[in-house]
N, C-alpha and C. Protein backbone atom coordinates (compact mmCIF):
# COMPACT_ATOMS: atom_id res chain seq x y z
N UNK A 1 0.83 -1.18 0.00
CA UNK A 1 0.00 0.00 0.00
C UNK A 1 0.88 1.25 0.00
N UNK A 2 0.49 2.23 -0.79
CA UNK A 2 1.25 3.46 -0.90
C UNK A 2 0.94 4.40 0.26
N UNK A 3 1.94 5.15 0.66
CA UNK A 3 1.74 6.15 1.70
C UNK A 3 0.94 7.31 1.13
N UNK A 4 -0.03 7.79 1.89
CA UNK A 4 -0.86 8.91 1.46
C UNK A 4 -0.03 10.19 1.49
N UNK A 5 -0.33 11.07 0.54
CA UNK A 5 0.37 12.35 0.43
C UNK A 5 -0.06 13.34 1.50
N UNK A 6 -1.25 13.15 2.05
CA UNK A 6 -1.79 14.07 3.04
C UNK A 6 -3.29 13.85 3.16
N UNK A 7 -3.90 14.61 4.05
CA UNK A 7 -5.33 14.50 4.27
C UNK A 7 -6.04 15.72 3.71
N UNK A 8 -7.18 15.47 3.09
CA UNK A 8 -7.99 16.55 2.54
C UNK A 8 -9.35 16.50 3.22
N UNK A 9 -9.72 17.62 3.83
CA UNK A 9 -11.06 17.79 4.36
C UNK A 9 -11.86 18.45 3.25
N UNK A 10 -12.84 17.75 2.74
CA UNK A 10 -13.61 18.20 1.59
C UNK A 10 -15.04 18.49 2.03
N UNK A 11 -15.49 19.73 1.81
CA UNK A 11 -16.84 20.13 2.22
C UNK A 11 -17.59 20.66 0.98
N UNK A 12 -18.67 19.97 0.64
CA UNK A 12 -19.50 20.39 -0.49
C UNK A 12 -20.89 19.82 -0.30
N UNK A 13 -21.90 20.65 -0.38
CA UNK A 13 -23.28 20.19 -0.19
C UNK A 13 -23.83 19.49 -1.43
N UNK A 14 -23.15 19.60 -2.56
CA UNK A 14 -23.56 18.94 -3.80
C UNK A 14 -22.98 17.52 -3.80
N UNK A 15 -23.83 16.52 -3.63
CA UNK A 15 -23.35 15.14 -3.48
C UNK A 15 -22.59 14.64 -4.71
N UNK A 16 -22.99 15.04 -5.91
CA UNK A 16 -22.26 14.57 -7.09
C UNK A 16 -20.88 15.23 -7.17
N UNK A 17 -20.78 16.49 -6.81
CA UNK A 17 -19.47 17.16 -6.78
C UNK A 17 -18.60 16.53 -5.70
N UNK A 18 -19.19 16.22 -4.55
CA UNK A 18 -18.46 15.60 -3.45
C UNK A 18 -17.88 14.25 -3.89
N UNK A 19 -18.70 13.44 -4.57
CA UNK A 19 -18.22 12.13 -5.05
C UNK A 19 -17.11 12.29 -6.09
N UNK A 20 -17.31 13.20 -7.04
CA UNK A 20 -16.31 13.40 -8.09
C UNK A 20 -14.99 13.89 -7.55
N UNK A 21 -15.04 14.88 -6.67
CA UNK A 21 -13.80 15.41 -6.09
C UNK A 21 -13.13 14.37 -5.19
N UNK A 22 -13.93 13.59 -4.47
CA UNK A 22 -13.37 12.53 -3.63
C UNK A 22 -12.60 11.53 -4.49
N UNK A 23 -13.18 11.12 -5.59
CA UNK A 23 -12.48 10.17 -6.49
C UNK A 23 -11.19 10.76 -7.03
N UNK A 24 -11.25 12.02 -7.47
CA UNK A 24 -10.06 12.69 -8.00
C UNK A 24 -8.95 12.75 -6.96
N UNK A 25 -9.30 13.17 -5.76
CA UNK A 25 -8.29 13.35 -4.71
C UNK A 25 -7.71 12.01 -4.25
N UNK A 26 -8.54 10.99 -4.15
CA UNK A 26 -8.04 9.66 -3.78
C UNK A 26 -7.12 9.12 -4.87
N UNK A 27 -7.49 9.32 -6.12
CA UNK A 27 -6.64 8.89 -7.23
C UNK A 27 -5.31 9.65 -7.21
N UNK A 28 -5.34 10.88 -6.67
CA UNK A 28 -4.12 11.68 -6.54
C UNK A 28 -3.28 11.30 -5.34
N UNK A 29 -3.74 10.32 -4.55
CA UNK A 29 -2.94 9.82 -3.43
C UNK A 29 -3.26 10.43 -2.08
N UNK A 30 -4.39 11.12 -1.98
CA UNK A 30 -4.75 11.78 -0.72
C UNK A 30 -5.80 10.99 0.04
N UNK A 31 -5.73 11.07 1.36
CA UNK A 31 -6.82 10.59 2.20
C UNK A 31 -7.89 11.67 2.17
N UNK A 32 -9.13 11.28 1.91
CA UNK A 32 -10.21 12.27 1.81
C UNK A 32 -11.24 12.03 2.90
N UNK A 33 -11.55 13.08 3.62
CA UNK A 33 -12.61 13.07 4.62
C UNK A 33 -13.67 14.02 4.09
N UNK A 34 -14.80 13.47 3.65
CA UNK A 34 -15.81 14.26 2.95
C UNK A 34 -16.99 14.59 3.85
N UNK A 35 -17.47 15.84 3.73
CA UNK A 35 -18.57 16.34 4.54
C UNK A 35 -19.53 17.13 3.66
N UNK A 36 -20.80 17.13 4.02
CA UNK A 36 -21.79 17.87 3.25
C UNK A 36 -22.09 19.25 3.82
N UNK A 37 -21.49 19.58 4.97
CA UNK A 37 -21.70 20.90 5.57
C UNK A 37 -20.53 21.27 6.48
N UNK A 38 -20.40 22.56 6.72
CA UNK A 38 -19.38 23.04 7.65
C UNK A 38 -19.64 22.53 9.05
N UNK A 39 -20.91 22.48 9.43
CA UNK A 39 -21.27 21.99 10.76
C UNK A 39 -20.82 20.54 10.95
N UNK A 40 -21.01 19.73 9.91
CA UNK A 40 -20.59 18.33 9.97
C UNK A 40 -19.08 18.23 10.13
N UNK A 41 -18.35 19.04 9.39
CA UNK A 41 -16.89 19.07 9.51
C UNK A 41 -16.47 19.42 10.93
N UNK A 42 -17.09 20.44 11.50
CA UNK A 42 -16.69 20.92 12.82
C UNK A 42 -16.99 19.92 13.94
N UNK A 43 -17.88 18.97 13.69
CA UNK A 43 -18.18 17.93 14.69
C UNK A 43 -17.11 16.85 14.72
N UNK A 44 -16.24 16.83 13.73
CA UNK A 44 -15.22 15.79 13.65
C UNK A 44 -13.88 16.30 14.16
N UNK A 45 -12.97 15.38 14.38
CA UNK A 45 -11.61 15.74 14.76
C UNK A 45 -10.91 16.26 13.50
N UNK A 46 -10.25 17.40 13.60
CA UNK A 46 -9.56 17.99 12.46
C UNK A 46 -8.08 18.09 12.80
N UNK A 47 -7.28 17.30 12.11
CA UNK A 47 -5.83 17.36 12.28
C UNK A 47 -5.29 18.32 11.23
N UNK A 48 -4.45 19.26 11.62
CA UNK A 48 -3.97 20.23 10.64
C UNK A 48 -2.54 20.00 10.17
N UNK A 49 -1.97 18.87 10.51
CA UNK A 49 -0.63 18.53 10.01
C UNK A 49 -0.78 17.80 8.68
N UNK A 50 -0.09 18.31 7.65
CA UNK A 50 -0.13 17.72 6.32
C UNK A 50 -1.57 17.53 5.84
N UNK A 51 -2.37 18.60 6.02
CA UNK A 51 -3.79 18.55 5.67
C UNK A 51 -4.21 19.87 5.02
N UNK A 52 -5.30 19.78 4.29
CA UNK A 52 -5.82 20.92 3.55
C UNK A 52 -7.35 20.86 3.56
N UNK A 53 -7.99 22.00 3.55
CA UNK A 53 -9.45 22.08 3.47
C UNK A 53 -9.82 22.56 2.08
N UNK A 54 -10.68 21.80 1.42
CA UNK A 54 -11.26 22.23 0.15
C UNK A 54 -12.75 22.38 0.39
N UNK A 55 -13.27 23.55 0.10
CA UNK A 55 -14.68 23.80 0.37
C UNK A 55 -15.35 24.58 -0.74
N UNK A 56 -16.60 24.25 -0.96
CA UNK A 56 -17.42 25.03 -1.87
C UNK A 56 -17.83 26.29 -1.11
N UNK A 57 -17.73 27.43 -1.75
CA UNK A 57 -18.03 28.70 -1.09
C UNK A 57 -19.46 28.74 -0.57
N UNK A 58 -20.39 28.08 -1.25
CA UNK A 58 -21.79 28.08 -0.81
C UNK A 58 -22.01 27.25 0.45
N UNK A 59 -21.11 26.35 0.76
CA UNK A 59 -21.27 25.44 1.89
C UNK A 59 -20.79 26.06 3.19
N UNK A 60 -20.26 27.26 3.14
CA UNK A 60 -19.65 27.86 4.32
C UNK A 60 -20.61 28.48 5.32
N UNK A 61 -21.88 28.50 5.03
CA UNK A 61 -22.80 29.18 5.94
C UNK A 61 -22.98 28.39 7.23
N UNK A 62 -22.73 29.04 8.32
CA UNK A 62 -22.96 28.48 9.65
C UNK A 62 -24.03 29.34 10.31
N UNK A 63 -24.84 28.71 11.11
CA UNK A 63 -25.95 29.46 11.71
C UNK A 63 -25.48 30.57 12.66
N UNK A 64 -24.43 30.32 13.43
CA UNK A 64 -24.02 31.32 14.42
C UNK A 64 -22.68 31.98 14.11
N UNK A 65 -21.73 31.23 13.63
CA UNK A 65 -20.39 31.77 13.39
C UNK A 65 -19.89 31.28 12.05
N UNK A 66 -18.90 31.95 11.54
CA UNK A 66 -18.35 31.48 10.28
C UNK A 66 -17.30 30.39 10.53
N UNK A 67 -17.04 29.63 9.51
CA UNK A 67 -16.12 28.50 9.62
C UNK A 67 -14.73 28.94 10.05
N UNK A 68 -14.27 30.05 9.53
CA UNK A 68 -12.93 30.55 9.88
C UNK A 68 -12.81 30.78 11.38
N UNK A 69 -13.81 31.42 11.96
CA UNK A 69 -13.79 31.69 13.40
C UNK A 69 -13.84 30.40 14.20
N UNK A 70 -14.65 29.46 13.76
CA UNK A 70 -14.76 28.19 14.48
C UNK A 70 -13.46 27.39 14.41
N UNK A 71 -12.81 27.38 13.26
CA UNK A 71 -11.52 26.69 13.16
C UNK A 71 -10.48 27.37 14.03
N UNK A 72 -10.53 28.68 14.08
CA UNK A 72 -9.60 29.44 14.91
C UNK A 72 -9.80 29.11 16.39
N UNK A 73 -11.04 28.97 16.82
CA UNK A 73 -11.33 28.59 18.21
C UNK A 73 -10.72 27.24 18.55
N UNK A 74 -10.69 26.34 17.57
CA UNK A 74 -10.12 25.01 17.78
C UNK A 74 -8.61 25.00 17.53
N UNK A 75 -8.03 26.17 17.24
CA UNK A 75 -6.60 26.31 16.94
C UNK A 75 -6.19 25.45 15.75
N UNK A 76 -7.10 25.34 14.77
CA UNK A 76 -6.82 24.57 13.55
C UNK A 76 -6.40 25.55 12.46
N UNK A 77 -5.22 25.30 11.91
CA UNK A 77 -4.71 26.15 10.84
C UNK A 77 -4.49 25.28 9.61
N UNK A 78 -5.42 25.37 8.69
CA UNK A 78 -5.35 24.59 7.45
C UNK A 78 -5.27 25.52 6.25
N UNK A 79 -4.48 25.16 5.25
CA UNK A 79 -4.61 25.89 4.00
C UNK A 79 -6.00 25.58 3.43
N UNK A 80 -6.62 26.58 2.82
CA UNK A 80 -7.97 26.44 2.29
C UNK A 80 -7.96 26.69 0.80
N UNK A 81 -8.64 25.82 0.08
CA UNK A 81 -8.84 25.99 -1.36
C UNK A 81 -10.34 26.03 -1.60
N UNK A 82 -10.77 27.06 -2.31
CA UNK A 82 -12.19 27.22 -2.63
C UNK A 82 -12.51 26.65 -4.00
N UNK A 83 -13.68 26.04 -4.09
CA UNK A 83 -14.25 25.66 -5.38
C UNK A 83 -15.66 26.25 -5.39
N UNK A 84 -16.10 26.70 -6.55
CA UNK A 84 -17.41 27.34 -6.59
C UNK A 84 -17.95 27.39 -8.01
N UNK A 85 -19.26 27.37 -8.12
CA UNK A 85 -19.89 27.62 -9.41
C UNK A 85 -20.01 29.11 -9.63
N UNK A 86 -19.86 29.88 -8.57
CA UNK A 86 -19.99 31.34 -8.65
C UNK A 86 -18.62 31.99 -8.66
N UNK A 87 -18.33 32.71 -9.71
CA UNK A 87 -17.10 33.49 -9.76
C UNK A 87 -17.53 34.96 -9.80
N UNK A 88 -17.78 35.48 -8.61
CA UNK A 88 -18.20 36.87 -8.51
C UNK A 88 -17.44 37.53 -7.35
N UNK A 89 -17.62 38.82 -7.18
CA UNK A 89 -16.88 39.55 -6.16
C UNK A 89 -17.16 39.03 -4.75
N UNK A 90 -18.41 38.68 -4.46
CA UNK A 90 -18.76 38.18 -3.13
C UNK A 90 -18.00 36.90 -2.81
N UNK A 91 -17.94 35.99 -3.76
CA UNK A 91 -17.24 34.72 -3.56
C UNK A 91 -15.73 34.93 -3.46
N UNK A 92 -15.19 35.78 -4.32
CA UNK A 92 -13.75 36.07 -4.25
C UNK A 92 -13.39 36.74 -2.92
N UNK A 93 -14.27 37.61 -2.41
CA UNK A 93 -14.03 38.26 -1.11
C UNK A 93 -14.00 37.21 0.00
N UNK A 94 -14.92 36.25 -0.06
CA UNK A 94 -14.96 35.18 0.93
C UNK A 94 -13.63 34.40 0.89
N UNK A 95 -13.13 34.13 -0.31
CA UNK A 95 -11.86 33.41 -0.45
C UNK A 95 -10.70 34.23 0.13
N UNK A 96 -10.72 35.53 -0.11
CA UNK A 96 -9.66 36.39 0.44
C UNK A 96 -9.71 36.42 1.96
N UNK A 97 -10.92 36.42 2.53
CA UNK A 97 -11.09 36.41 3.98
C UNK A 97 -10.39 35.20 4.60
N UNK A 98 -10.44 34.08 3.90
CA UNK A 98 -9.79 32.86 4.36
C UNK A 98 -8.31 32.82 3.99
N UNK A 99 -7.84 33.84 3.27
CA UNK A 99 -6.47 33.82 2.75
C UNK A 99 -6.26 32.52 1.96
N UNK A 100 -7.21 32.25 1.08
CA UNK A 100 -7.25 30.98 0.34
C UNK A 100 -5.98 30.73 -0.46
N UNK A 101 -5.56 29.49 -0.44
CA UNK A 101 -4.40 29.06 -1.21
C UNK A 101 -4.76 28.84 -2.68
N UNK A 102 -6.05 28.81 -2.98
CA UNK A 102 -6.49 28.63 -4.35
C UNK A 102 -7.98 28.86 -4.48
N UNK A 103 -8.39 29.16 -5.70
CA UNK A 103 -9.81 29.37 -6.00
C UNK A 103 -10.07 28.76 -7.37
N UNK A 104 -10.99 27.81 -7.43
CA UNK A 104 -11.31 27.12 -8.67
C UNK A 104 -12.79 27.20 -8.96
N UNK A 105 -13.09 27.46 -10.21
CA UNK A 105 -14.48 27.46 -10.65
C UNK A 105 -14.85 26.05 -11.09
N UNK A 106 -16.06 25.62 -10.70
CA UNK A 106 -16.55 24.32 -11.12
C UNK A 106 -17.02 24.40 -12.56
N UNK A 107 -16.82 23.39 -13.36
CA UNK A 107 -16.13 22.15 -13.03
C UNK A 107 -14.63 22.40 -12.88
N UNK A 108 -14.05 21.74 -11.91
CA UNK A 108 -12.66 21.96 -11.52
C UNK A 108 -11.71 21.25 -12.47
N UNK A 109 -10.63 21.93 -12.82
CA UNK A 109 -9.54 21.32 -13.60
C UNK A 109 -8.76 20.44 -12.63
N UNK A 110 -8.91 19.12 -12.75
CA UNK A 110 -8.32 18.17 -11.81
C UNK A 110 -6.82 18.31 -11.60
N UNK A 111 -6.01 18.29 -12.68
CA UNK A 111 -4.57 18.43 -12.48
C UNK A 111 -4.18 19.76 -11.82
N UNK A 112 -4.87 20.83 -12.16
CA UNK A 112 -4.56 22.13 -11.54
C UNK A 112 -4.90 22.11 -10.05
N UNK A 113 -6.01 21.47 -9.69
CA UNK A 113 -6.37 21.36 -8.28
C UNK A 113 -5.34 20.54 -7.52
N UNK A 114 -4.92 19.43 -8.08
CA UNK A 114 -3.90 18.59 -7.43
C UNK A 114 -2.60 19.36 -7.25
N UNK A 115 -2.22 20.17 -8.24
CA UNK A 115 -1.02 21.00 -8.12
C UNK A 115 -1.18 22.03 -7.00
N UNK A 116 -2.37 22.64 -6.91
CA UNK A 116 -2.63 23.64 -5.87
C UNK A 116 -2.56 23.02 -4.48
N UNK A 117 -3.08 21.80 -4.36
CA UNK A 117 -3.03 21.10 -3.07
C UNK A 117 -1.58 20.82 -2.68
N UNK A 118 -0.81 20.31 -3.61
CA UNK A 118 0.60 20.01 -3.34
C UNK A 118 1.33 21.28 -2.89
N UNK A 119 1.08 22.39 -3.57
CA UNK A 119 1.71 23.65 -3.22
C UNK A 119 1.25 24.11 -1.83
N UNK A 120 -0.06 24.02 -1.56
CA UNK A 120 -0.60 24.46 -0.27
C UNK A 120 -0.01 23.65 0.87
N UNK A 121 0.12 22.34 0.68
CA UNK A 121 0.68 21.49 1.74
C UNK A 121 2.17 21.79 1.93
N UNK A 122 2.85 22.05 0.84
CA UNK A 122 4.28 22.34 0.92
C UNK A 122 4.56 23.66 1.63
N UNK A 123 3.71 24.65 1.41
CA UNK A 123 3.95 25.98 1.98
C UNK A 123 3.20 26.23 3.27
N UNK A 124 2.39 25.30 3.73
CA UNK A 124 1.61 25.49 4.96
C UNK A 124 2.55 25.78 6.13
N UNK A 125 2.19 26.78 6.89
CA UNK A 125 2.98 27.14 8.06
C UNK A 125 4.13 28.07 7.78
N UNK A 126 4.40 28.32 6.50
CA UNK A 126 5.47 29.26 6.18
C UNK A 126 4.91 30.68 6.23
N UNK A 127 5.70 31.63 6.66
CA UNK A 127 5.19 33.00 6.74
C UNK A 127 4.88 33.56 5.37
N UNK A 128 3.81 34.38 5.30
CA UNK A 128 3.46 35.05 4.06
C UNK A 128 4.51 36.09 3.75
N UNK A 129 4.77 36.27 2.47
CA UNK A 129 5.76 37.27 2.06
C UNK A 129 5.09 38.49 1.48
N UNK A 130 3.80 38.68 1.77
CA UNK A 130 3.06 39.83 1.23
C UNK A 130 3.28 41.04 2.09
């Protein structure tokens, strides 16, 4: 059995997108933990070593707090990659708020997403040079 490249927390309320992205990421050598909502993700244990969060921008709504604040409360620091059917200013602003490592419009370019994940995992924890 091959060693996994890392863990991906995948959040998307669209079940067909969740299945497709899960297959892509597993084929790319990643362990995938898939969730249909941010609330579901937050109920699970989240390890932030060699891990990345990929989320659909529409799935980020939490009833009381936003996902970023909740992850911060748990002291979880994950690189975040957004995927979305919406490429508009509101969605891009949401991605900037998370300091997203990537933003992809659905349907996602698989090889580009895998490259972005590899880059995000490689640079996680390094100081920003901005």
